[in-house]
Amino acid sequence: MGLAALITILGRHGQRVLNAALLAGAGGALALFGLGMGGLHPWAPGVAAVLAFVLLAVFGLVADGWATAAVVGILCASAASLVAGALHFFWPPLAVMFAGIGIFLGMTHHQRLSVWLPPLFSAVFIAWGCAISWAPHWRGAALWQLNDLDWVLGLAGICAVVLLALSLEREHRKKLRLAARTRGMADDELKKKLAAKQAGFSRFNNIDPPK
């Protein structure tokens, strides 16, 4: 829930935090569980997981375009793998193909995705956090309804609509401010050009320039 709040507060720049969280979490989990089943030294998976977490977190914070492309590529590959597995298809070629498509789309449209992805993932994080914090599997749960998957998905959907509307409204206000600033700069430049032309005309006709 703290991560969702940070992503929402930062607005468009929350995409960097989201990239860092997703890539670092995925890389650390893969290193920890993948190497843990390889019969290596007991401390090797933990060290590899920490290194992968730190490096991918830095990559997600610094490389905005490439990190967003990597996130979209992983999401597309995961979705294709799940669909292929459900249909009993051979999933690796589809995963590679959709990963390439996702990387291309993420790299070319990362500015637009930074408006849509943060609120959607923030909604998932909020619902997940509420289910963990206030719907425990014992008597006296504050929100026992969140023990049901349908309630969790409904809460995520409501949060997604609200946060997405907030993100789009922020983007609209940003465009209005940019348009007003551009018009102001254009007006100032036009005034300077007119003043320069009036001064040149006055000198050519031996007329005192307007003050």
C-alpha atoms as a PDB file:
ATOM      1  CA  MET A   1       0.000   0.000   0.000  1.00  0.00           C
ATOM      2  CA  GLY A   2       2.950   2.309   0.651  1.00  0.00           C
ATOM      3  CA  LEU A   3       4.287   1.501  -2.795  1.00  0.00           C
ATOM      4  CA  ALA A   4       0.902   2.305  -4.334  1.00  0.00           C
ATOM      5  CA  ALA A   5       0.801   5.629  -2.487  1.00  0.00           C
ATOM      6  CA  LEU A   6       4.304   6.545  -3.677  1.00  0.00           C
ATOM      7  CA  ILE A   7       3.512   5.668  -7.286  1.00  0.00           C
ATOM      8  CA  THR A   8       0.288   7.694  -7.173  1.00  0.00           C
ATOM      9  CA  ILE A   9       1.900  10.761  -5.577  1.00  0.00           C
ATOM     10  CA  LEU A  10       4.705  10.865  -8.139  1.00  0.00           C
ATOM     11  CA  GLY A  11       2.276  10.768 -11.062  1.00  0.00           C
ATOM     12  CA  ARG A  12       3.997  10.141 -14.399  1.00  0.00           C
ATOM     13  CA  HIS A  13       7.335   9.693 -12.626  1.00  0.00           C
ATOM     14  CA  GLY A  14       5.768   6.872 -10.625  1.00  0.00           C
ATOM     15  CA  GLN A  15       6.482   4.687 -13.658  1.00  0.00           C
ATOM     16  CA  ARG A  16      10.158   4.613 -12.617  1.00  0.00           C
ATOM     17  CA  VAL A  17       9.257   3.376  -9.131  1.00  0.00           C
ATOM     18  CA  LEU A  18       6.876   0.811 -10.616  1.00  0.00           C
ATOM     19  CA  ASN A  19       9.556  -0.437 -13.020  1.00  0.00           C
ATOM     20  CA  ALA A  20      12.073  -0.744 -10.194  1.00  0.00           C
ATOM     21  CA  ALA A  21       9.620  -2.620  -7.953  1.00  0.00           C
ATOM     22  CA  LEU A  22       8.447  -5.076 -10.616  1.00  0.00           C
ATOM     23  CA  LEU A  23      11.851  -5.813 -12.140  1.00  0.00           C
ATOM     24  CA  ALA A  24      13.643  -6.036  -8.795  1.00  0.00           C
ATOM     25  CA  GLY A  25      10.953  -8.247  -7.279  1.00  0.00           C
ATOM     26  CA  ALA A  26      10.855 -10.571 -10.288  1.00  0.00           C
ATOM     27  CA  GLY A  27      14.648 -10.804 -10.580  1.00  0.00           C
ATOM     28  CA  GLY A  28      15.153 -11.395  -6.864  1.00  0.00           C
ATOM     29  CA  ALA A  29      12.440 -14.066  -6.723  1.00  0.00           C
ATOM     30  CA  LEU A  30      13.805 -15.898  -9.769  1.00  0.00           C
ATOM     31  CA  ALA A  31      17.336 -15.875  -8.370  1.00  0.00           C
ATOM     32  CA  LEU A  32      16.214 -17.001  -4.924  1.00  0.00           C
ATOM     33  CA  PHE A  33      13.921 -19.836  -5.964  1.00  0.00           C
ATOM     34  CA  GLY A  34      15.766 -20.819  -9.140  1.00  0.00           C
ATOM     35  CA  LEU A  35      19.173 -21.169  -7.524  1.00  0.00           C
ATOM     36  CA  GLY A  36      17.633 -22.604  -4.364  1.00  0.00           C
ATOM     37  CA  MET A  37      16.662 -25.744  -6.266  1.00  0.00           C
ATOM     38  CA  GLY A  38      20.072 -26.156  -7.868  1.00  0.00           C
ATOM     39  CA  GLY A  39      21.884 -27.769  -4.953  1.00  0.00           C
ATOM     40  CA  LEU A  40      24.306 -24.840  -4.533  1.00  0.00           C
ATOM     41  CA  HIS A  41      25.814 -23.492  -1.325  1.00  0.00           C
ATOM     42  CA  PRO A  42      23.059 -22.316   1.078  1.00  0.00           C
ATOM     43  CA  TRP A  43      24.097 -18.656   0.903  1.00  0.00           C
ATOM     44  CA  ALA A  44      24.426 -18.520  -2.904  1.00  0.00           C
ATOM     45  CA  PRO A  45      20.697 -18.015  -3.700  1.00  0.00           C
ATOM     46  CA  GLY A  46      20.352 -15.245  -1.131  1.00  0.00           C
ATOM     47  CA  VAL A  47      23.422 -13.346  -2.358  1.00  0.00           C
ATOM     48  CA  ALA A  48      22.341 -13.701  -5.980  1.00  0.00           C
ATOM     49  CA  ALA A  49      18.821 -12.526  -5.087  1.00  0.00           C
ATOM     50  CA  VAL A  50      20.133  -9.422  -3.302  1.00  0.00           C
ATOM     51  CA  LEU A  51      22.446  -8.545  -6.204  1.00  0.00           C
ATOM     52  CA  ALA A  52      19.691  -9.060  -8.766  1.00  0.00           C
ATOM     53  CA  PHE A  53      17.266  -6.994  -6.674  1.00  0.00           C
ATOM     54  CA  VAL A  54      19.639  -4.043  -6.303  1.00  0.00           C
ATOM     55  CA  LEU A  55      20.836  -4.006  -9.919  1.00  0.00           C
ATOM     56  CA  LEU A  56      17.352  -4.301 -11.389  1.00  0.00           C
ATOM     57  CA  ALA A  57      15.992  -1.676  -8.995  1.00  0.00           C
ATOM     58  CA  VAL A  58      18.669   0.784 -10.130  1.00  0.00           C
ATOM     59  CA  PHE A  59      17.991  -0.116 -13.764  1.00  0.00           C
ATOM     60  CA  GLY A  60      14.265   0.497 -13.288  1.00  0.00           C
ATOM     61  CA  LEU A  61      14.840   3.890 -11.677  1.00  0.00           C
ATOM     62  CA  VAL A  62      17.414   5.133 -14.197  1.00  0.00           C
ATOM     63  CA  ALA A  63      16.452   3.675 -17.581  1.00  0.00           C
ATOM     64  CA  ASP A  64      12.872   4.880 -17.990  1.00  0.00           C
ATOM     65  CA  GLY A  65      12.292   3.760 -21.583  1.00  0.00           C
ATOM     66  CA  TRP A  66      14.159   0.460 -21.513  1.00  0.00           C
ATOM     67  CA  ALA A  67      12.814  -0.492 -18.082  1.00  0.00           C
ATOM     68  CA  THR A  68       9.244   0.176 -19.200  1.00  0.00           C
ATOM     69  CA  ALA A  69       9.909  -1.881 -22.332  1.00  0.00           C
ATOM     70  CA  ALA A  70      11.231  -4.744 -20.193  1.00  0.00           C
ATOM     71  CA  VAL A  71       8.150  -4.626 -17.936  1.00  0.00           C
ATOM     72  CA  VAL A  72       5.734  -4.628 -20.872  1.00  0.00           C
ATOM     73  CA  GLY A  73       7.710  -7.412 -22.552  1.00  0.00           C
ATOM     74  CA  ILE A  74       7.544  -9.572 -19.417  1.00  0.00           C
ATOM     75  CA  LEU A  75       3.819  -8.904 -19.024  1.00  0.00           C
ATOM     76  CA  CYS A  76       3.097  -9.810 -22.660  1.00  0.00           C
ATOM     77  CA  ALA A  77       5.255 -12.937 -22.478  1.00  0.00           C
ATOM     78  CA  SER A  78       3.580 -14.053 -19.238  1.00  0.00           C
ATOM     79  CA  ALA A  79       0.094 -13.516 -20.646  1.00  0.00           C
ATOM     80  CA  ALA A  80       0.960 -15.405 -23.838  1.00  0.00           C
ATOM     81  CA  SER A  81       2.458 -18.263 -21.822  1.00  0.00           C
ATOM     82  CA  LEU A  82      -0.648 -18.579 -19.648  1.00  0.00           C
ATOM     83  CA  VAL A  83      -2.983 -18.590 -22.649  1.00  0.00           C
ATOM     84  CA  ALA A  84      -0.795 -21.092 -24.514  1.00  0.00           C
ATOM     85  CA  GLY A  85      -0.620 -23.338 -21.455  1.00  0.00           C
ATOM     86  CA  ALA A  86      -4.405 -23.233 -21.037  1.00  0.00           C
ATOM     87  CA  LEU A  87      -4.838 -24.187 -24.707  1.00  0.00           C
ATOM     88  CA  HIS A  88      -2.144 -26.892 -24.442  1.00  0.00           C
ATOM     89  CA  PHE A  89       0.133 -25.213 -26.983  1.00  0.00           C
ATOM     90  CA  PHE A  90       3.924 -25.179 -26.950  1.00  0.00           C
ATOM     91  CA  TRP A  91       4.429 -21.908 -25.099  1.00  0.00           C
ATOM     92  CA  PRO A  92       8.167 -20.911 -25.476  1.00  0.00           C
ATOM     93  CA  PRO A  93       7.923 -19.594 -29.085  1.00  0.00           C
ATOM     94  CA  LEU A  94       4.800 -17.601 -28.250  1.00  0.00           C
ATOM     95  CA  ALA A  95       6.438 -16.201 -25.114  1.00  0.00           C
ATOM     96  CA  VAL A  96       9.501 -15.051 -27.074  1.00  0.00           C
ATOM     97  CA  MET A  97       7.386 -13.526 -29.847  1.00  0.00           C
ATOM     98  CA  PHE A  98       5.097 -11.610 -27.486  1.00  0.00           C
ATOM     99  CA  ALA A  99       8.053 -10.531 -25.372  1.00  0.00           C
ATOM    100  CA  GLY A 100       9.553  -8.909 -28.481  1.00  0.00           C
ATOM    101  CA  ILE A 101       6.261  -7.222 -29.299  1.00  0.00           C
ATOM    102  CA  GLY A 102       5.953  -5.963 -25.729  1.00  0.00           C
ATOM    103  CA  ILE A 103       9.498  -4.583 -25.709  1.00  0.00           C
ATOM    104  CA  PHE A 104       8.844  -2.739 -28.974  1.00  0.00           C
ATOM    105  CA  LEU A 105       5.555  -1.276 -27.739  1.00  0.00           C
ATOM    106  CA  GLY A 106       7.038  -0.338 -24.379  1.00  0.00           C
ATOM    107  CA  MET A 107      10.004   1.413 -25.956  1.00  0.00           C
ATOM    108  CA  THR A 108       7.976   3.376 -28.505  1.00  0.00           C
ATOM    109  CA  HIS A 109       5.040   4.266 -26.225  1.00  0.00           C
ATOM    110  CA  HIS A 110       6.600   4.501 -22.766  1.00  0.00           C
ATOM    111  CA  GLN A 111       5.359   8.084 -22.350  1.00  0.00           C
ATOM    112  CA  ARG A 112       1.744   7.018 -22.853  1.00  0.00           C
ATOM    113  CA  LEU A 113       2.185   3.877 -20.768  1.00  0.00           C
ATOM    114  CA  SER A 114       3.444   5.983 -17.861  1.00  0.00           C
ATOM    115  CA  VAL A 115      -0.080   7.421 -17.649  1.00  0.00           C
ATOM    116  CA  TRP A 116      -1.881   4.045 -17.687  1.00  0.00           C
ATOM    117  CA  LEU A 117       0.339   1.470 -15.991  1.00  0.00           C
ATOM    118  CA  PRO A 118       1.003   3.170 -12.607  1.00  0.00           C
ATOM    119  CA  PRO A 119      -2.685   3.587 -11.623  1.00  0.00           C
ATOM    120  CA  LEU A 120      -3.547   0.042 -12.738  1.00  0.00           C
ATOM    121  CA  PHE A 121      -0.741  -1.536 -10.727  1.00  0.00           C
ATOM    122  CA  SER A 122      -1.419   0.788  -7.795  1.00  0.00           C
ATOM    123  CA  ALA A 123      -4.979  -0.534  -7.705  1.00  0.00           C
ATOM    124  CA  VAL A 124      -3.665  -4.105  -7.575  1.00  0.00           C
ATOM    125  CA  PHE A 125      -1.217  -3.196  -4.802  1.00  0.00           C
ATOM    126  CA  ILE A 126      -3.963  -1.483  -2.766  1.00  0.00           C
ATOM    127  CA  ALA A 127      -6.331  -4.458  -3.017  1.00  0.00           C
ATOM    128  CA  TRP A 128      -3.535  -6.884  -2.235  1.00  0.00           C
ATOM    129  CA  GLY A 129      -2.378  -4.834   0.744  1.00  0.00           C
ATOM    130  CA  CYS A 130      -5.905  -4.540   2.123  1.00  0.00           C
ATOM    131  CA  ALA A 131      -6.442  -8.280   1.780  1.00  0.00           C
ATOM    132  CA  ILE A 132      -3.196  -9.013   3.630  1.00  0.00           C
ATOM    133  CA  SER A 133      -3.632  -6.388   6.363  1.00  0.00           C
ATOM    134  CA  TRP A 134      -7.346  -6.436   7.161  1.00  0.00           C
ATOM    135  CA  ALA A 135      -8.665  -9.810   5.985  1.00  0.00           C
ATOM    136  CA  PRO A 136      -6.650 -12.438   7.869  1.00  0.00           C
ATOM    137  CA  HIS A 137      -7.902 -16.000   7.982  1.00  0.00           C
ATOM    138  CA  TRP A 138      -9.029 -15.987  11.585  1.00  0.00           C
ATOM    139  CA  ARG A 139     -11.963 -14.698  13.618  1.00  0.00           C
ATOM    140  CA  GLY A 140     -12.383 -10.970  13.989  1.00  0.00           C
ATOM    141  CA  ALA A 141     -11.110  -9.946  10.541  1.00  0.00           C
ATOM    142  CA  ALA A 142     -11.756  -6.255   9.901  1.00  0.00           C
ATOM    143  CA  LEU A 143     -12.709  -6.835   6.256  1.00  0.00           C
ATOM    144  CA  TRP A 144     -13.603 -10.504   6.090  1.00  0.00           C
ATOM    145  CA  GLN A 145     -15.120  -9.980   2.631  1.00  0.00           C
ATOM    146  CA  LEU A 146     -11.593  -9.612   1.216  1.00  0.00           C
ATOM    147  CA  ASN A 147     -10.998 -13.279   1.946  1.00  0.00           C
ATOM    148  CA  ASP A 148     -13.118 -13.813  -1.167  1.00  0.00           C
ATOM    149  CA  LEU A 149     -11.328 -13.342  -4.500  1.00  0.00           C
ATOM    150  CA  ASP A 150     -14.360 -11.649  -6.065  1.00  0.00           C
ATOM    151  CA  TRP A 151     -14.309  -8.903  -3.421  1.00  0.00           C
ATOM    152  CA  VAL A 152     -10.571  -8.379  -3.907  1.00  0.00           C
ATOM    153  CA  LEU A 153     -11.000  -8.087  -7.673  1.00  0.00           C
ATOM    154  CA  GLY A 154     -13.933  -5.709  -7.180  1.00  0.00           C
ATOM    155  CA  LEU A 155     -11.870  -3.481  -4.881  1.00  0.00           C
ATOM    156  CA  ALA A 156      -9.007  -3.523  -7.393  1.00  0.00           C
ATOM    157  CA  GLY A 157     -11.413  -2.538 -10.167  1.00  0.00           C
ATOM    158  CA  ILE A 158     -12.855   0.380  -8.190  1.00  0.00           C
ATOM    159  CA  CYS A 159      -9.395   1.623  -7.245  1.00  0.00           C
ATOM    160  CA  ALA A 160      -8.250   1.274 -10.865  1.00  0.00           C
ATOM    161  CA  VAL A 161     -11.111   3.455 -12.132  1.00  0.00           C
ATOM    162  CA  VAL A 162     -10.491   6.151  -9.508  1.00  0.00           C
ATOM    163  CA  LEU A 163      -6.706   6.225  -9.913  1.00  0.00           C
ATOM    164  CA  LEU A 164      -6.897   6.100 -13.692  1.00  0.00           C
ATOM    165  CA  ALA A 165      -9.298   9.050 -13.714  1.00  0.00           C
ATOM    166  CA  LEU A 166      -6.883  10.944 -11.462  1.00  0.00           C
ATOM    167  CA  SER A 167      -3.958  10.141 -13.748  1.00  0.00           C
ATOM    168  CA  LEU A 168      -5.819  11.241 -16.880  1.00  0.00           C
ATOM    169  CA  GLU A 169      -6.973  14.445 -15.176  1.00  0.00           C
ATOM    170  CA  ARG A 170      -3.375  15.233 -14.187  1.00  0.00           C
ATOM    171  CA  GLU A 171      -2.217  14.661 -17.746  1.00  0.00           C
ATOM    172  CA  HIS A 172      -4.986  16.911 -19.086  1.00  0.00           C
ATOM    173  CA  ARG A 173      -4.043  19.735 -16.716  1.00  0.00           C
ATOM    174  CA  LYS A 174      -0.395  19.326 -17.667  1.00  0.00           C
ATOM    175  CA  LYS A 175      -1.248  19.705 -21.357  1.00  0.00           C
ATOM    176  CA  LEU A 176      -3.296  22.827 -20.626  1.00  0.00           C
ATOM    177  CA  ARG A 177      -0.410  24.401 -18.689  1.00  0.00           C
ATOM    178  CA  LEU A 178       2.017  23.521 -21.483  1.00  0.00           C
ATOM    179  CA  ALA A 179      -0.299  24.992 -24.127  1.00  0.00           C
ATOM    180  CA  ALA A 180      -0.698  28.221 -22.122  1.00  0.00           C
ATOM    181  CA  ARG A 181       3.065  28.483 -21.646  1.00  0.00           C
ATOM    182  CA  THR A 182       3.646  27.899 -25.360  1.00  0.00           C
ATOM    183  CA  ARG A 183       1.160  30.615 -26.306  1.00  0.00           C
ATOM    184  CA  GLY A 184       2.822  33.010 -23.863  1.00  0.00           C
ATOM    185  CA  MET A 185       6.257  32.313 -25.332  1.00  0.00           C
ATOM    186  CA  ALA A 186       4.902  32.771 -28.869  1.00  0.00           C
ATOM    187  CA  ASP A 187       3.297  36.102 -27.897  1.00  0.00           C
ATOM    188  CA  ASP A 188       6.538  37.369 -26.359  1.00  0.00           C
ATOM    189  CA  GLU A 189       8.511  36.355 -29.437  1.00  0.00           C
ATOM    190  CA  LEU A 190       5.992  38.083 -31.722  1.00  0.00           C
ATOM    191  CA  LYS A 191       6.177  41.265 -29.643  1.00  0.00           C
ATOM    192  CA  LYS A 192       9.973  41.295 -29.895  1.00  0.00           C
ATOM    193  CA  LYS A 193       9.844  40.846 -33.690  1.00  0.00           C
ATOM    194  CA  LEU A 194       7.278  43.638 -34.076  1.00  0.00           C
ATOM    195  CA  ALA A 195       9.353  45.940 -31.878  1.00  0.00           C
ATOM    196  CA  ALA A 196      12.480  45.211 -33.927  1.00  0.00           C
ATOM    197  CA  LYS A 197      10.621  45.896 -37.196  1.00  0.00           C
ATOM    198  CA  GLN A 198       9.173  49.148 -35.829  1.00  0.00           C
ATOM    199  CA  ALA A 199      12.633  50.268 -34.715  1.00  0.00           C
ATOM    200  CA  GLY A 200      14.066  49.490 -38.175  1.00  0.00           C
ATOM    201  CA  PHE A 201      11.212  51.304 -39.903  1.00  0.00           C
ATOM    202  CA  SER A 202      11.677  54.323 -37.644  1.00  0.00           C
ATOM    203  CA  ARG A 203      15.409  54.515 -38.358  1.00  0.00           C
ATOM    204  CA  PHE A 204      14.785  54.215 -42.138  1.00  0.00           C
ATOM    205  CA  ASN A 205      12.317  57.100 -42.056  1.00  0.00           C
ATOM    206  CA  ASN A 206      14.184  59.150 -39.435  1.00  0.00           C
ATOM    207  CA  ILE A 207      11.334  58.773 -37.001  1.00  0.00           C
ATOM    208  CA  ASP A 208      11.853  58.352 -33.309  1.00  0.00           C
ATOM    209  CA  PRO A 209      11.050  54.688 -32.405  1.00  0.00           C
ATOM    210  CA  PRO A 210       7.988  54.147 -30.242  1.00  0.00           C
ATOM    211  CA  LYS A 211       8.645  53.873 -26.529  1.00  0.00           C
END
